[in-house]
């Protein structure tokens, strides 16, 4: 029996739409609108223009599936609309509008990038072919964790009274009572 690969990858092109921002603080609004499985290389190629809205084939990135992430892929597939997550970052040198960092099928990894607040994480619906590819890999590598009931120790923890202080030091009063003011 052949051992399954611990990872597989597929090039996926991402289509990003740029529209004018609706507030004075955001000049542009960037939104990922589509994924192209098996696409060729691209670097912000303009595909379509409608007034101020422009669609770009931003990049073709490798979508890597890891055997260790099979549970995350199963969570993604159980969602109403399975998606891939595109991570965009502001470009520092200004040659491109945005820097495409990565794409992932793991909602947990997408959430990790969204938590930093420095990147834009866009959710792109998967096509049926991409869903089938991710599902086949996830089913091949997913292992249910066996529930093991934890047993308590036999040690009696209620016999130790923490917080009473050092037993070697004599106490004039109850250590649990609030101190009262001594009148002279």
N, C-alpha and C. Protein backbone atom coordinates (compact mmCIF):
# COMPACT_ATOMS: atom_id res chain seq x y z
N UNK A 1 0.85 -1.18 0.00
CA UNK A 1 0.00 0.00 0.00
C UNK A 1 0.89 1.24 0.00
N UNK A 2 0.65 2.16 -0.91
CA UNK A 2 1.45 3.37 -1.03
C UNK A 2 1.06 4.35 0.07
N UNK A 3 2.05 5.03 0.62
CA UNK A 3 1.82 6.02 1.66
C UNK A 3 1.35 7.31 1.00
N UNK A 4 0.34 7.94 1.60
CA UNK A 4 -0.21 9.18 1.06
C UNK A 4 0.76 10.33 1.29
N UNK A 5 0.78 11.26 0.34
CA UNK A 5 1.66 12.43 0.46
C UNK A 5 1.18 13.31 1.61
N UNK A 6 2.12 13.87 2.36
CA UNK A 6 1.74 14.71 3.50
C UNK A 6 1.35 16.12 3.07
N UNK A 7 1.59 16.44 1.81
CA UNK A 7 1.16 17.73 1.28
C UNK A 7 0.98 17.63 -0.23
N UNK A 8 0.07 18.45 -0.73
CA UNK A 8 -0.09 18.60 -2.18
C UNK A 8 -0.31 20.08 -2.45
N UNK A 9 -0.07 20.49 -3.68
CA UNK A 9 -0.29 21.89 -4.00
C UNK A 9 -0.81 22.05 -5.41
N UNK A 10 -1.50 23.18 -5.61
CA UNK A 10 -2.07 23.52 -6.90
C UNK A 10 -1.95 25.03 -7.08
N UNK A 11 -1.55 25.49 -8.27
CA UNK A 11 -1.53 26.94 -8.49
C UNK A 11 -2.96 27.46 -8.63
N UNK A 12 -3.25 28.54 -7.93
CA UNK A 12 -4.58 29.14 -7.99
C UNK A 12 -4.42 30.63 -8.22
N UNK A 13 -5.02 31.13 -9.28
CA UNK A 13 -5.02 32.56 -9.56
C UNK A 13 -6.12 33.24 -8.77
N UNK A 14 -5.87 34.47 -8.34
CA UNK A 14 -6.87 35.22 -7.59
C UNK A 14 -7.23 36.50 -8.32
N UNK A 15 -8.52 36.76 -8.40
CA UNK A 15 -9.05 37.96 -9.03
C UNK A 15 -9.44 38.93 -7.92
N UNK A 16 -8.90 40.15 -7.98
CA UNK A 16 -9.15 41.17 -6.96
C UNK A 16 -9.79 42.37 -7.64
N UNK A 17 -10.85 42.89 -7.01
CA UNK A 17 -11.55 44.07 -7.54
C UNK A 17 -11.21 45.29 -6.68
N UNK A 18 -10.87 46.38 -7.36
CA UNK A 18 -10.57 47.65 -6.69
C UNK A 18 -11.70 48.61 -7.02
N UNK A 19 -12.35 49.12 -5.97
CA UNK A 19 -13.42 50.10 -6.15
C UNK A 19 -13.13 51.31 -5.27
N UNK A 20 -13.70 52.46 -5.60
CA UNK A 20 -13.46 53.64 -4.77
C UNK A 20 -14.01 53.42 -3.35
N UNK A 21 -13.29 53.93 -2.37
CA UNK A 21 -13.72 53.82 -0.98
C UNK A 21 -14.95 54.69 -0.72
N UNK A 22 -15.68 54.36 0.30
CA UNK A 22 -16.90 55.11 0.61
C UNK A 22 -16.68 56.14 1.72
N UNK A 23 -15.50 56.17 2.30
CA UNK A 23 -15.20 57.16 3.33
C UNK A 23 -13.95 57.92 2.93
N UNK A 24 -13.71 59.02 3.60
CA UNK A 24 -12.51 59.80 3.28
C UNK A 24 -11.24 59.15 3.81
N UNK A 25 -11.39 58.18 4.71
CA UNK A 25 -10.22 57.51 5.30
C UNK A 25 -9.73 56.35 4.43
N UNK A 26 -10.59 55.80 3.62
CA UNK A 26 -10.20 54.69 2.74
C UNK A 26 -10.40 55.13 1.30
N UNK A 27 -9.29 55.40 0.62
CA UNK A 27 -9.38 55.86 -0.76
C UNK A 27 -9.88 54.75 -1.68
N UNK A 28 -9.43 53.49 -1.42
CA UNK A 28 -9.81 52.36 -2.26
C UNK A 28 -10.31 51.21 -1.41
N UNK A 29 -11.19 50.42 -1.98
CA UNK A 29 -11.69 49.20 -1.33
C UNK A 29 -11.22 48.02 -2.18
N UNK A 30 -10.51 47.09 -1.54
CA UNK A 30 -9.98 45.92 -2.23
C UNK A 30 -10.78 44.71 -1.82
N UNK A 31 -11.24 43.93 -2.80
CA UNK A 31 -12.06 42.76 -2.51
C UNK A 31 -11.70 41.63 -3.47
N UNK A 32 -11.42 40.45 -2.90
CA UNK A 32 -11.16 39.27 -3.73
C UNK A 32 -12.50 38.73 -4.20
N UNK A 33 -12.62 38.48 -5.49
CA UNK A 33 -13.92 38.08 -6.04
C UNK A 33 -13.94 36.69 -6.65
N UNK A 34 -12.80 36.14 -7.05
CA UNK A 34 -12.81 34.82 -7.69
C UNK A 34 -11.45 34.15 -7.58
N UNK A 35 -11.49 32.82 -7.72
CA UNK A 35 -10.27 32.01 -7.74
C UNK A 35 -10.26 31.21 -9.03
N UNK A 36 -9.08 31.08 -9.62
CA UNK A 36 -8.91 30.36 -10.89
C UNK A 36 -7.96 29.19 -10.68
N UNK A 37 -8.47 27.98 -10.36
CA UNK A 37 -7.58 26.83 -10.16
C UNK A 37 -6.79 26.52 -11.43
N UNK A 38 -5.50 26.27 -11.25
CA UNK A 38 -4.63 25.91 -12.38
C UNK A 38 -4.24 27.07 -13.26
N UNK A 39 -4.40 28.30 -12.80
CA UNK A 39 -4.09 29.48 -13.61
C UNK A 39 -2.58 29.63 -13.82
N UNK A 40 -2.23 30.33 -14.88
CA UNK A 40 -0.83 30.62 -15.15
C UNK A 40 -0.35 31.80 -14.33
N UNK A 41 0.94 32.12 -14.43
CA UNK A 41 1.49 33.22 -13.64
C UNK A 41 0.89 34.56 -14.03
N UNK A 42 0.78 35.44 -13.03
CA UNK A 42 0.24 36.79 -13.27
C UNK A 42 0.80 37.73 -12.22
N UNK A 43 0.85 39.01 -12.56
CA UNK A 43 1.30 40.02 -11.62
C UNK A 43 0.48 41.29 -11.84
N UNK A 44 -0.65 41.34 -11.22
CA UNK A 44 -1.57 42.46 -11.27
C UNK A 44 -1.92 42.86 -12.71
N UNK A 45 -2.34 41.87 -13.50
CA UNK A 45 -2.78 42.14 -14.86
C UNK A 45 -4.23 42.64 -14.82
N UNK A 46 -4.47 43.76 -15.47
CA UNK A 46 -5.83 44.30 -15.51
C UNK A 46 -6.67 43.44 -16.44
N UNK A 47 -7.82 42.98 -15.93
CA UNK A 47 -8.73 42.15 -16.72
C UNK A 47 -9.91 42.94 -17.25
N UNK A 48 -10.48 43.78 -16.39
CA UNK A 48 -11.71 44.48 -16.78
C UNK A 48 -11.81 45.79 -16.03
N UNK A 49 -12.41 46.79 -16.70
CA UNK A 49 -12.62 48.10 -16.08
C UNK A 49 -14.05 48.54 -16.34
N UNK A 50 -14.74 48.91 -15.27
CA UNK A 50 -16.10 49.46 -15.35
C UNK A 50 -16.13 50.75 -14.56
N UNK A 51 -15.98 51.87 -15.23
CA UNK A 51 -15.91 53.15 -14.52
C UNK A 51 -14.68 53.19 -13.64
N UNK A 52 -14.91 53.39 -12.33
CA UNK A 52 -13.79 53.43 -11.39
C UNK A 52 -13.41 52.06 -10.86
N UNK A 53 -14.25 51.04 -11.11
CA UNK A 53 -13.96 49.69 -10.62
C UNK A 53 -13.04 48.97 -11.61
N UNK A 54 -12.00 48.34 -11.06
CA UNK A 54 -11.02 47.62 -11.89
C UNK A 54 -10.83 46.23 -11.30
N UNK A 55 -10.85 45.22 -12.17
CA UNK A 55 -10.57 43.86 -11.73
C UNK A 55 -9.20 43.45 -12.25
N UNK A 56 -8.42 42.85 -11.34
CA UNK A 56 -7.07 42.42 -11.65
C UNK A 56 -6.93 40.92 -11.44
N UNK A 57 -6.11 40.28 -12.28
CA UNK A 57 -5.60 38.96 -11.94
C UNK A 57 -4.36 39.28 -11.12
N UNK A 58 -4.55 39.31 -9.80
CA UNK A 58 -3.51 39.83 -8.91
C UNK A 58 -2.27 38.95 -8.89
N UNK A 59 -2.47 37.65 -8.76
CA UNK A 59 -1.33 36.75 -8.66
C UNK A 59 -1.82 35.32 -8.81
N UNK A 60 -0.89 34.44 -9.06
CA UNK A 60 -1.16 33.01 -9.00
C UNK A 60 -0.26 32.47 -7.90
N UNK A 61 -0.91 31.97 -6.87
CA UNK A 61 -0.20 31.49 -5.69
C UNK A 61 -0.41 29.99 -5.52
N UNK A 62 0.52 29.30 -4.89
CA UNK A 62 0.31 27.87 -4.64
C UNK A 62 -0.65 27.67 -3.46
N UNK A 63 -1.70 26.90 -3.68
CA UNK A 63 -2.59 26.49 -2.60
C UNK A 63 -2.05 25.16 -2.10
N UNK A 64 -1.44 25.19 -0.92
CA UNK A 64 -0.80 24.00 -0.36
C UNK A 64 -1.72 23.40 0.69
N UNK A 65 -1.98 22.11 0.57
CA UNK A 65 -2.76 21.39 1.57
C UNK A 65 -1.81 20.50 2.36
N UNK A 66 -1.89 20.57 3.69
CA UNK A 66 -1.02 19.81 4.59
C UNK A 66 -1.86 18.76 5.30
N UNK A 67 -1.31 17.58 5.48
CA UNK A 67 -2.01 16.49 6.15
C UNK A 67 -2.37 16.86 7.59
N UNK A 68 -1.50 17.62 8.26
CA UNK A 68 -1.76 18.02 9.63
C UNK A 68 -2.95 18.98 9.76
N UNK A 69 -3.33 19.63 8.68
CA UNK A 69 -4.43 20.59 8.70
C UNK A 69 -5.75 19.99 8.22
N UNK A 70 -5.84 18.67 8.13
CA UNK A 70 -7.03 18.02 7.60
C UNK A 70 -8.29 18.38 8.38
N UNK A 71 -8.18 18.52 9.70
CA UNK A 71 -9.35 18.89 10.50
C UNK A 71 -9.85 20.28 10.12
N UNK A 72 -8.92 21.22 9.90
CA UNK A 72 -9.30 22.58 9.50
C UNK A 72 -10.01 22.56 8.14
N UNK A 73 -9.55 21.73 7.23
CA UNK A 73 -10.20 21.64 5.92
C UNK A 73 -11.60 21.06 6.06
N UNK A 74 -11.77 20.10 6.97
CA UNK A 74 -13.10 19.52 7.20
C UNK A 74 -14.06 20.58 7.77
N UNK A 75 -13.56 21.44 8.65
CA UNK A 75 -14.37 22.54 9.18
C UNK A 75 -14.78 23.47 8.05
N UNK A 76 -13.85 23.80 7.17
CA UNK A 76 -14.13 24.67 6.03
C UNK A 76 -15.18 24.05 5.12
N UNK A 77 -15.04 22.75 4.83
CA UNK A 77 -15.98 22.08 3.93
C UNK A 77 -17.37 21.96 4.54
N UNK A 78 -17.47 21.95 5.86
CA UNK A 78 -18.78 21.84 6.50
C UNK A 78 -19.49 23.18 6.56
N UNK A 79 -18.80 24.26 6.20
CA UNK A 79 -19.41 25.58 6.15
C UNK A 79 -20.42 25.61 5.00
N UNK A 80 -21.36 26.53 5.07
CA UNK A 80 -22.37 26.65 4.01
C UNK A 80 -21.75 26.90 2.65
N UNK A 81 -20.70 27.72 2.60
CA UNK A 81 -19.98 28.01 1.36
C UNK A 81 -18.49 27.83 1.61
N UNK A 82 -17.94 26.65 1.28
CA UNK A 82 -16.49 26.44 1.47
C UNK A 82 -15.70 27.50 0.70
N UNK A 83 -14.63 27.98 1.31
CA UNK A 83 -13.89 29.10 0.73
C UNK A 83 -12.39 28.90 0.89
N UNK A 84 -11.65 29.67 0.09
CA UNK A 84 -10.23 29.80 0.33
C UNK A 84 -10.02 31.23 0.83
N UNK A 85 -8.92 31.45 1.51
CA UNK A 85 -8.65 32.74 2.13
C UNK A 85 -7.41 33.35 1.49
N UNK A 86 -7.56 34.58 1.02
CA UNK A 86 -6.47 35.32 0.40
C UNK A 86 -5.98 36.36 1.40
N UNK A 87 -4.67 36.40 1.62
CA UNK A 87 -4.08 37.38 2.53
C UNK A 87 -3.36 38.42 1.69
N UNK A 88 -3.80 39.68 1.85
CA UNK A 88 -3.20 40.82 1.14
C UNK A 88 -2.55 41.74 2.16
N UNK A 89 -1.46 42.39 1.75
CA UNK A 89 -0.75 43.32 2.63
C UNK A 89 -0.39 44.55 1.81
N UNK A 90 -0.40 45.72 2.44
CA UNK A 90 0.02 46.94 1.74
C UNK A 90 1.44 46.79 1.23
N UNK A 91 1.64 47.16 -0.01
CA UNK A 91 2.96 47.07 -0.63
C UNK A 91 3.83 48.21 -0.11
N UNK A 92 5.04 47.89 0.28
CA UNK A 92 5.92 48.90 0.88
C UNK A 92 6.55 49.80 -0.18
N UNK A 93 7.07 49.22 -1.26
CA UNK A 93 7.80 50.03 -2.24
C UNK A 93 6.89 50.63 -3.31
N UNK A 94 5.64 50.24 -3.38
CA UNK A 94 4.69 50.87 -4.28
C UNK A 94 4.70 50.40 -5.71
N UNK A 95 5.42 49.32 -6.04
CA UNK A 95 5.42 48.82 -7.42
C UNK A 95 4.10 48.17 -7.78
N UNK A 96 3.46 47.54 -6.81
CA UNK A 96 2.16 46.88 -7.00
C UNK A 96 1.15 47.55 -6.08
N UNK A 97 -0.13 47.44 -6.39
CA UNK A 97 -1.14 48.02 -5.49
C UNK A 97 -1.14 47.37 -4.10
N UNK A 98 -1.05 46.04 -4.06
CA UNK A 98 -1.04 45.29 -2.80
C UNK A 98 -0.08 44.12 -2.97
N UNK A 99 0.37 43.57 -1.85
CA UNK A 99 1.25 42.40 -1.88
C UNK A 99 0.39 41.18 -1.56
N UNK A 100 0.34 40.20 -2.45
CA UNK A 100 -0.40 38.97 -2.19
C UNK A 100 0.51 38.04 -1.40
N UNK A 101 0.14 37.78 -0.15
CA UNK A 101 1.00 37.01 0.75
C UNK A 101 0.80 35.52 0.55
N UNK A 102 -0.44 35.04 0.66
CA UNK A 102 -0.70 33.61 0.49
C UNK A 102 -2.18 33.35 0.33
N UNK A 103 -2.50 32.13 -0.10
CA UNK A 103 -3.87 31.64 -0.07
C UNK A 103 -3.86 30.34 0.73
N UNK A 104 -4.96 30.09 1.42
CA UNK A 104 -5.06 28.89 2.23
C UNK A 104 -6.50 28.40 2.25
N UNK A 105 -6.66 27.11 2.45
CA UNK A 105 -8.00 26.54 2.60
C UNK A 105 -8.33 26.33 4.07
N UNK A 106 -7.43 26.71 4.97
CA UNK A 106 -7.64 26.55 6.40
C UNK A 106 -8.26 27.82 6.99
N UNK A 107 -9.48 27.72 7.51
CA UNK A 107 -10.08 28.91 8.13
C UNK A 107 -9.32 29.34 9.38
N UNK A 108 -8.63 28.41 10.03
CA UNK A 108 -7.87 28.75 11.22
C UNK A 108 -6.66 29.61 10.87
N UNK A 109 -5.97 29.26 9.79
CA UNK A 109 -4.82 30.05 9.35
C UNK A 109 -5.28 31.43 8.87
N UNK A 110 -6.40 31.47 8.16
CA UNK A 110 -6.95 32.75 7.73
C UNK A 110 -7.28 33.64 8.92
N UNK A 111 -7.85 33.05 9.97
CA UNK A 111 -8.18 33.80 11.18
C UNK A 111 -6.92 34.32 11.86
N UNK A 112 -5.86 33.51 11.87
CA UNK A 112 -4.59 33.96 12.48
C UNK A 112 -4.08 35.23 11.81
N UNK A 113 -4.16 35.30 10.48
CA UNK A 113 -3.71 36.50 9.78
C UNK A 113 -4.66 37.67 10.02
N UNK A 114 -5.96 37.39 10.13
CA UNK A 114 -6.93 38.45 10.37
C UNK A 114 -6.77 39.06 11.76
N UNK A 115 -6.31 38.26 12.72
CA UNK A 115 -6.16 38.74 14.09
C UNK A 115 -5.09 39.82 14.23
N UNK A 116 -4.09 39.82 13.36
CA UNK A 116 -3.02 40.82 13.49
C UNK A 116 -3.51 42.21 13.14
N UNK A 117 -4.46 42.31 12.23
CA UNK A 117 -4.97 43.61 11.82
C UNK A 117 -4.07 44.31 10.80
N UNK A 118 -2.94 43.74 10.47
CA UNK A 118 -2.03 44.35 9.51
C UNK A 118 -2.31 43.91 8.09
N UNK A 119 -2.99 42.79 7.93
CA UNK A 119 -3.28 42.27 6.60
C UNK A 119 -4.79 42.33 6.33
N UNK A 120 -5.11 42.28 5.06
CA UNK A 120 -6.50 42.14 4.64
C UNK A 120 -6.70 40.67 4.30
N UNK A 121 -7.68 40.03 4.91
CA UNK A 121 -7.97 38.63 4.64
C UNK A 121 -9.33 38.56 3.94
N UNK A 122 -9.32 38.08 2.72
CA UNK A 122 -10.53 37.99 1.91
C UNK A 122 -10.94 36.54 1.72
N UNK A 123 -12.22 36.28 1.85
CA UNK A 123 -12.78 34.95 1.69
C UNK A 123 -13.30 34.81 0.26
N UNK A 124 -12.81 33.80 -0.46
CA UNK A 124 -13.21 33.57 -1.85
C UNK A 124 -13.92 32.23 -1.93
N UNK A 125 -15.15 32.19 -2.43
CA UNK A 125 -15.86 30.91 -2.55
C UNK A 125 -15.10 29.95 -3.47
N UNK A 126 -15.05 28.68 -3.07
CA UNK A 126 -14.38 27.65 -3.88
C UNK A 126 -15.31 27.18 -4.99
N UNK A 127 -14.70 26.85 -6.13
CA UNK A 127 -15.47 26.22 -7.21
C UNK A 127 -15.71 24.76 -6.82
N UNK A 128 -16.61 24.09 -7.53
CA UNK A 128 -16.92 22.70 -7.20
C UNK A 128 -15.71 21.78 -7.38
N UNK A 129 -14.89 22.04 -8.39
CA UNK A 129 -13.69 21.23 -8.60
C UNK A 129 -12.69 21.39 -7.47
N UNK A 130 -12.55 22.62 -6.98
CA UNK A 130 -11.64 22.88 -5.86
C UNK A 130 -12.17 22.26 -4.57
N UNK A 131 -13.48 22.30 -4.39
CA UNK A 131 -14.10 21.66 -3.22
C UNK A 131 -13.80 20.17 -3.24
N UNK A 132 -13.96 19.53 -4.39
CA UNK A 132 -13.71 18.10 -4.49
C UNK A 132 -12.25 17.76 -4.23
N UNK A 133 -11.33 18.59 -4.72
CA UNK A 133 -9.90 18.37 -4.52
C UNK A 133 -9.53 18.45 -3.04
N UNK A 134 -10.04 19.49 -2.35
CA UNK A 134 -9.78 19.66 -0.92
C UNK A 134 -10.45 18.55 -0.12
N UNK A 135 -11.68 18.19 -0.49
CA UNK A 135 -12.42 17.14 0.23
C UNK A 135 -11.70 15.80 0.14
N UNK A 136 -11.24 15.43 -1.06
CA UNK A 136 -10.55 14.16 -1.22
C UNK A 136 -9.29 14.10 -0.36
N UNK A 137 -8.53 15.19 -0.34
CA UNK A 137 -7.32 15.23 0.48
C UNK A 137 -7.66 15.17 1.97
N UNK A 138 -8.66 15.93 2.38
CA UNK A 138 -9.03 15.97 3.80
C UNK A 138 -9.55 14.62 4.28
N UNK A 139 -10.37 13.96 3.46
CA UNK A 139 -10.89 12.65 3.86
C UNK A 139 -9.78 11.61 3.95
N UNK A 140 -8.79 11.72 3.10
CA UNK A 140 -7.69 10.77 3.10
C UNK A 140 -6.82 10.91 4.36
N UNK A 141 -6.70 12.14 4.87
CA UNK A 141 -5.78 12.41 5.98
C UNK A 141 -6.46 12.68 7.32
N UNK A 142 -7.76 12.84 7.34
CA UNK A 142 -8.44 13.18 8.61
C UNK A 142 -8.51 11.96 9.52
N UNK A 143 -8.15 12.16 10.77
CA UNK A 143 -8.24 11.12 11.79
C UNK A 143 -9.02 11.65 12.96
N UNK A 144 -10.11 10.95 13.33
CA UNK A 144 -10.88 11.36 14.49
C UNK A 144 -10.06 11.10 15.75
N UNK A 145 -10.09 12.06 16.67
CA UNK A 145 -9.39 11.87 17.93
C UNK A 145 -10.25 11.03 18.85
N UNK A 146 -9.65 10.04 19.47
CA UNK A 146 -10.37 9.17 20.39
C UNK A 146 -10.51 9.89 21.72
N UNK A 147 -11.74 9.90 22.26
CA UNK A 147 -11.98 10.55 23.54
C UNK A 147 -11.48 9.65 24.66
N UNK A 148 -10.66 10.20 25.52
CA UNK A 148 -10.15 9.47 26.66
C UNK A 148 -10.60 10.21 27.91
N UNK A 149 -11.39 9.52 28.73
CA UNK A 149 -11.87 10.16 29.94
C UNK A 149 -10.72 10.27 30.94
N UNK A 150 -10.59 11.45 31.50
CA UNK A 150 -9.53 11.71 32.46
C UNK A 150 -9.96 11.17 33.82
N UNK A 151 -9.04 10.53 34.50
CA UNK A 151 -9.32 10.02 35.85
C UNK A 151 -8.68 10.94 36.87
N UNK A 152 -9.37 11.12 37.96
CA UNK A 152 -8.83 11.96 39.03
C UNK A 152 -7.76 11.21 39.80
N UNK A 153 -6.86 11.98 40.36
CA UNK A 153 -5.84 11.40 41.23
C UNK A 153 -6.48 10.96 42.53
N UNK A 154 -5.86 10.02 43.21
CA UNK A 154 -6.36 9.54 44.50
C UNK A 154 -5.90 10.45 45.65
N UNK A 155 -5.02 11.38 45.36
CA UNK A 155 -4.50 12.25 46.39
C UNK A 155 -5.59 13.18 46.91
N UNK A 156 -5.66 13.36 48.21
CA UNK A 156 -6.65 14.23 48.84
C UNK A 156 -6.11 15.65 48.86
N UNK A 157 -6.73 16.51 48.10
CA UNK A 157 -6.26 17.90 48.06
C UNK A 157 -6.98 18.78 49.06
N UNK A 158 -8.04 18.29 49.69
CA UNK A 158 -8.79 19.12 50.63
C UNK A 158 -8.15 19.17 52.02
N UNK A 159 -7.09 18.41 52.26
CA UNK A 159 -6.44 18.40 53.57
C UNK A 159 -5.46 19.56 53.73
N UNK A 160 -5.03 20.16 52.64
CA UNK A 160 -4.08 21.27 52.69
C UNK A 160 -4.86 22.57 52.67
N UNK A 161 -4.55 23.45 53.64
CA UNK A 161 -5.21 24.74 53.69
C UNK A 161 -4.22 25.82 53.29
N UNK A 162 -4.35 26.25 52.04
CA UNK A 162 -3.45 27.30 51.56
C UNK A 162 -3.92 28.65 52.09
N UNK A 163 -2.98 29.56 52.26
CA UNK A 163 -3.33 30.92 52.61
C UNK A 163 -3.33 31.22 54.09
N UNK A 164 -3.05 30.25 54.94
CA UNK A 164 -3.06 30.53 56.37
C UNK A 164 -1.74 31.09 56.85
N UNK A 165 -0.76 31.11 56.04
CA UNK A 165 0.53 31.63 56.47
C UNK A 165 1.40 30.50 56.98
N UNK A 166 2.51 30.88 57.52
CA UNK A 166 3.48 29.92 58.03
C UNK A 166 3.02 29.42 59.39
N UNK A 167 2.90 28.10 59.55
CA UNK A 167 2.42 27.51 60.81
C UNK A 167 3.40 27.73 61.94
N UNK A 168 4.66 28.05 61.65
CA UNK A 168 5.65 28.25 62.69
C UNK A 168 5.55 29.62 63.35
N UNK A 169 4.82 30.53 62.73
CA UNK A 169 4.67 31.88 63.26
C UNK A 169 3.34 31.97 64.00
N UNK A 170 3.41 32.38 65.29
CA UNK A 170 2.21 32.48 66.11
C UNK A 170 1.35 33.66 65.63
N UNK A 171 0.05 33.43 65.50
CA UNK A 171 -0.89 34.45 65.06
C UNK A 171 -1.70 34.92 66.26
N UNK A 172 -1.86 36.24 66.42
CA UNK A 172 -2.67 36.77 67.51
C UNK A 172 -4.15 36.73 67.19
N UNK A 173 -4.48 36.66 65.92
CA UNK A 173 -5.89 36.68 65.55
C UNK A 173 -6.12 35.76 64.34
N UNK A 174 -7.37 35.68 63.95
CA UNK A 174 -7.77 34.88 62.80
C UNK A 174 -7.21 35.53 61.52
N UNK A 175 -6.46 34.78 60.76
CA UNK A 175 -5.84 35.36 59.56
C UNK A 175 -6.85 35.67 58.46
N UNK A 176 -8.06 35.13 58.56
CA UNK A 176 -9.06 35.39 57.54
C UNK A 176 -9.88 36.63 57.84
N UNK A 177 -9.84 37.13 59.08
CA UNK A 177 -10.63 38.30 59.47
C UNK A 177 -9.89 39.56 59.03
N UNK A 178 -10.64 40.56 58.63
CA UNK A 178 -10.05 41.83 58.24
C UNK A 178 -9.41 42.49 59.45
N UNK A 179 -8.26 43.11 59.29
CA UNK A 179 -7.63 43.78 60.43
C UNK A 179 -8.49 44.95 60.91
N UNK A 180 -8.46 45.16 62.20
CA UNK A 180 -9.23 46.28 62.72
C UNK A 180 -8.27 47.31 63.29
N UNK A 181 -8.79 48.47 63.43
CA UNK A 181 -7.99 49.58 63.88
C UNK A 181 -7.76 49.48 65.39
N UNK A 182 -6.54 49.64 65.78
CA UNK A 182 -6.21 49.58 67.21
C UNK A 182 -6.26 51.00 67.75
N UNK A 183 -7.10 51.22 68.79
CA UNK A 183 -7.23 52.54 69.38
C UNK A 183 -6.28 52.62 70.57
N UNK A 184 -5.52 53.69 70.69
CA UNK A 184 -4.56 53.84 71.80
C UNK A 184 -4.99 54.88 72.77
